[in-house]
Amino acid sequence: MKIVGICGSPRAEGNSSFLVNEALNAAKEEGEEVEFISLSGLELNPCIACNVCKEEDECIIMDDLNDVWKKIEGADGIIIGSPVYFGGVSAQTKMLIDRSRPSRKGFKLKNKVGGAISVGASRNGGQETTIRQIHDFMFIHSMIVVGDSEPSAHYGGTGVGGASNDCENDEFGISTARNLGKKVVEVVKLIKK
């Protein structure tokens, strides 16, 4: 089984990347194969509403998101992390979401297990609204959405950080991210029984 973690931060090695990797490390400790994908530095283009994807199984925009989507479709579990940008996901994460329409044809993500991580500049800095936006995307793809597991059991991984390495000292954020990674694995294993 494979768990893919995608970080939608424009920072290559910031707080969101750190927490997505913490979730993946927890999944790896449970015996799963993991892969980390950072959208930072990739060639990403927004949806242009051409509607070709309604007829075809792929997006006609030729950029790095096409390869990212192949990896997502091949995963059993998907963790998406984004920093909070005005109460929602980053532009990079939004492009990933908006360009997912070809995956809805035949519901290629149906019954895959998904979870979300978000980092805000304060403890109540929009993490839950950002996670909700990621969850909504997952619901629309008929995925099985999970939050972090006990003892925290919230919406998902929620970190606090402004400067690039702040989350390395955020014990609660690390705990929720790791609990999310474990919960994704737990549910994937239940499905694969």
Protein backbone atom coordinates (compact mmCIF):
# COMPACT_ATOMS: atom_id res chain seq x y z
CA MET A 1 0.00 0.00 0.00
CA LYS A 2 1.21 3.50 -0.76
CA ILE A 3 0.56 6.82 0.94
CA VAL A 4 1.31 9.99 -1.03
CA GLY A 5 1.80 13.31 0.74
CA ILE A 6 1.47 16.52 -1.26
CA CYS A 7 2.61 19.87 0.05
CA GLY A 8 1.01 22.89 -1.59
CA SER A 9 3.28 25.51 -0.07
CA PRO A 10 5.35 27.80 -2.28
CA ARG A 11 8.17 27.22 0.23
CA ALA A 12 10.14 24.10 -0.65
CA GLU A 13 11.11 23.30 2.94
CA GLY A 14 8.73 25.23 5.16
CA ASN A 15 6.31 24.33 7.92
CA SER A 16 3.72 22.61 5.72
CA SER A 17 6.40 20.38 4.17
CA PHE A 18 7.69 19.54 7.64
CA LEU A 19 4.26 18.45 8.90
CA VAL A 20 3.35 16.50 5.74
CA ASN A 21 6.64 14.64 6.14
CA GLU A 22 5.86 14.00 9.82
CA ALA A 23 2.56 12.40 8.74
CA LEU A 24 4.39 10.32 6.13
CA ASN A 25 7.03 9.27 8.66
CA ALA A 26 4.27 8.00 10.94
CA ALA A 27 2.74 6.10 8.00
CA LYS A 28 6.14 4.62 7.15
CA GLU A 29 6.56 3.48 10.78
CA GLU A 30 3.29 1.57 10.29
CA GLY A 31 4.95 -0.31 7.41
CA GLU A 32 3.60 1.63 4.45
CA GLU A 33 5.41 2.86 1.36
CA VAL A 34 5.32 6.65 1.23
CA GLU A 35 6.13 9.38 -1.28
CA PHE A 36 6.43 13.11 -0.67
CA ILE A 37 5.59 15.58 -3.44
CA SER A 38 6.22 19.30 -3.10
CA LEU A 39 4.41 21.60 -5.51
CA SER A 40 7.05 24.25 -4.85
CA GLY A 41 9.20 24.82 -7.90
CA LEU A 42 7.00 22.77 -10.22
CA GLU A 43 5.51 24.22 -13.37
CA LEU A 44 1.84 24.68 -12.44
CA ASN A 45 -0.84 26.36 -14.47
CA PRO A 46 -4.44 27.15 -13.53
CA CYS A 47 -7.51 25.60 -15.10
CA ILE A 48 -8.58 27.54 -18.20
CA ALA A 49 -12.16 26.20 -18.31
CA CYS A 50 -11.67 24.68 -21.77
CA ASN A 51 -13.84 21.66 -20.79
CA VAL A 52 -11.72 19.24 -22.84
CA CYS A 53 -11.39 17.12 -19.68
CA LYS A 54 -15.13 16.40 -19.87
CA GLU A 55 -14.40 14.35 -22.98
CA GLU A 56 -10.85 13.17 -22.30
CA ASP A 57 -9.27 11.41 -19.33
CA GLU A 58 -6.58 14.01 -18.86
CA CYS A 59 -6.00 17.72 -18.79
CA ILE A 60 -4.68 19.26 -22.01
CA ILE A 61 -2.44 21.66 -20.11
CA MET A 62 1.04 20.20 -20.32
CA ASP A 63 2.84 20.91 -17.05
CA ASP A 64 4.05 19.07 -13.96
CA LEU A 65 0.57 18.54 -12.51
CA ASN A 66 -0.14 15.73 -14.96
CA ASP A 67 2.63 13.61 -13.41
CA VAL A 68 1.49 14.55 -9.91
CA TRP A 69 -2.02 13.36 -10.72
CA LYS A 70 -0.74 9.98 -11.97
CA LYS A 71 0.98 9.47 -8.61
CA ILE A 72 -2.14 10.52 -6.70
CA GLU A 73 -4.33 8.16 -8.71
CA GLY A 74 -1.91 5.30 -7.96
CA ALA A 75 -1.96 5.86 -4.20
CA ASP A 76 -4.11 4.16 -1.58
CA GLY A 77 -3.94 7.10 0.81
CA ILE A 78 -3.48 10.81 0.10
CA ILE A 79 -2.43 13.53 2.51
CA ILE A 80 -2.57 17.13 1.30
CA GLY A 81 -0.99 19.96 3.23
CA SER A 82 -1.34 23.69 2.64
CA PRO A 83 -0.44 26.86 4.49
CA VAL A 84 -3.35 29.16 5.29
CA TYR A 85 -3.75 31.93 2.71
CA PHE A 86 -6.55 34.28 3.77
CA GLY A 87 -8.51 31.48 5.39
CA GLY A 88 -8.06 28.96 2.58
CA VAL A 89 -5.56 26.95 0.58
CA SER A 90 -2.53 28.35 -1.23
CA ALA A 91 -2.64 29.10 -4.96
CA GLN A 92 -0.54 26.00 -5.62
CA THR A 93 -2.97 23.77 -3.73
CA LYS A 94 -5.93 25.40 -5.47
CA MET A 95 -4.41 24.66 -8.89
CA LEU A 96 -4.00 21.02 -7.85
CA ILE A 97 -7.65 20.92 -6.80
CA ASP A 98 -9.01 22.77 -9.83
CA ARG A 99 -7.07 20.60 -12.25
CA SER A 100 -8.43 17.37 -10.70
CA ARG A 101 -11.50 17.27 -12.91
CA PRO A 102 -10.17 14.48 -15.20
CA SER A 103 -9.92 12.25 -12.12
CA ARG A 104 -13.66 12.64 -11.56
CA LYS A 105 -14.32 10.89 -14.85
CA GLY A 106 -14.80 7.34 -13.64
CA PHE A 107 -14.13 8.53 -10.07
CA LYS A 108 -10.48 7.47 -10.00
CA LEU A 109 -10.11 8.60 -6.37
CA LYS A 110 -13.22 6.81 -5.11
CA ASN A 111 -12.65 5.09 -1.76
CA LYS A 112 -9.07 6.29 -1.46
CA VAL A 113 -8.37 7.52 2.06
CA GLY A 114 -7.61 11.21 2.37
CA GLY A 115 -6.54 13.59 5.09
CA ALA A 116 -5.45 17.22 5.36
CA ILE A 117 -2.82 19.29 7.12
CA SER A 118 -2.69 23.06 7.42
CA VAL A 119 -0.37 25.61 8.98
CA GLY A 120 -1.42 29.07 10.11
CA ALA A 121 0.48 31.92 11.73
CA SER A 122 -1.44 31.47 15.01
CA ARG A 123 -3.22 28.56 16.70
CA ASN A 124 -6.57 29.82 15.39
CA GLY A 125 -5.17 31.13 12.12
CA GLY A 126 -7.55 29.54 9.62
CA GLN A 127 -6.30 25.96 9.75
CA GLU A 128 -9.78 24.46 10.06
CA THR A 129 -11.22 26.45 7.16
CA THR A 130 -8.24 25.50 5.01
CA ILE A 131 -8.60 21.84 5.96
CA ARG A 132 -12.32 22.03 5.23
CA GLN A 133 -11.53 23.24 1.71
CA ILE A 134 -9.26 20.22 1.19
CA HIS A 135 -11.90 17.91 2.69
CA ASP A 136 -14.57 19.34 0.37
CA PHE A 137 -12.33 18.51 -2.60
CA MET A 138 -11.93 14.95 -1.29
CA PHE A 139 -15.68 14.53 -0.71
CA ILE A 140 -16.38 15.65 -4.27
CA HIS A 141 -14.07 12.87 -5.49
CA SER A 142 -15.91 10.27 -3.35
CA MET A 143 -12.90 9.71 -1.14
CA ILE A 144 -12.99 8.47 2.44
CA VAL A 145 -11.98 11.47 4.53
CA VAL A 146 -10.32 11.09 7.93
CA GLY A 147 -9.04 13.47 10.57
CA ASP A 148 -6.21 12.90 12.97
CA SER A 149 -6.62 10.02 15.38
CA GLU A 150 -6.87 9.88 19.14
CA PRO A 151 -5.91 11.34 21.47
CA SER A 152 -6.31 14.60 19.54
CA ALA A 153 -8.99 13.59 16.97
CA HIS A 154 -9.64 16.85 15.15
CA TYR A 155 -9.99 17.87 11.50
CA GLY A 156 -6.42 16.84 10.66
CA GLY A 157 -2.91 18.10 11.21
CA THR A 158 -2.89 21.68 12.45
CA GLY A 159 0.39 23.52 12.85
CA VAL A 160 1.38 27.00 13.93
CA GLY A 161 4.22 28.70 12.13
CA GLY A 162 5.28 31.87 10.40
CA ALA A 163 9.03 31.52 9.97
CA SER A 164 10.16 28.48 7.99
CA ASN A 165 11.13 26.25 10.91
CA ASP A 166 8.51 27.22 13.52
CA CYS A 167 6.60 23.92 13.32
CA GLU A 168 9.66 21.98 14.44
CA ASN A 169 8.87 23.34 17.93
CA ASP A 170 5.08 22.91 17.69
CA GLU A 171 4.49 19.70 19.64
CA PHE A 172 0.72 19.82 19.15
CA GLY A 173 1.10 20.34 15.39
CA ILE A 174 3.58 17.48 15.11
CA SER A 175 1.29 15.23 17.15
CA THR A 176 -1.78 15.97 15.02
CA ALA A 177 0.18 15.45 11.78
CA ARG A 178 1.59 12.13 12.98
CA ASN A 179 -1.84 11.03 14.23
CA LEU A 180 -3.27 11.85 10.81
CA GLY A 181 -0.63 9.71 9.09
CA LYS A 182 -1.47 6.80 11.40
CA LYS A 183 -5.23 7.23 10.87
CA VAL A 184 -4.86 7.22 7.06
CA VAL A 185 -2.91 3.95 7.32
CA GLU A 186 -5.41 2.45 9.78
CA VAL A 187 -8.33 3.07 7.43
CA VAL A 188 -6.43 1.95 4.31
CA LYS A 189 -5.68 -1.33 6.09
CA LEU A 190 -9.35 -1.76 7.06
CA ILE A 191 -10.38 -1.25 3.44
CA LYS A 192 -7.75 -3.63 2.06
CA LYS A 193 -8.66 -6.50 4.45
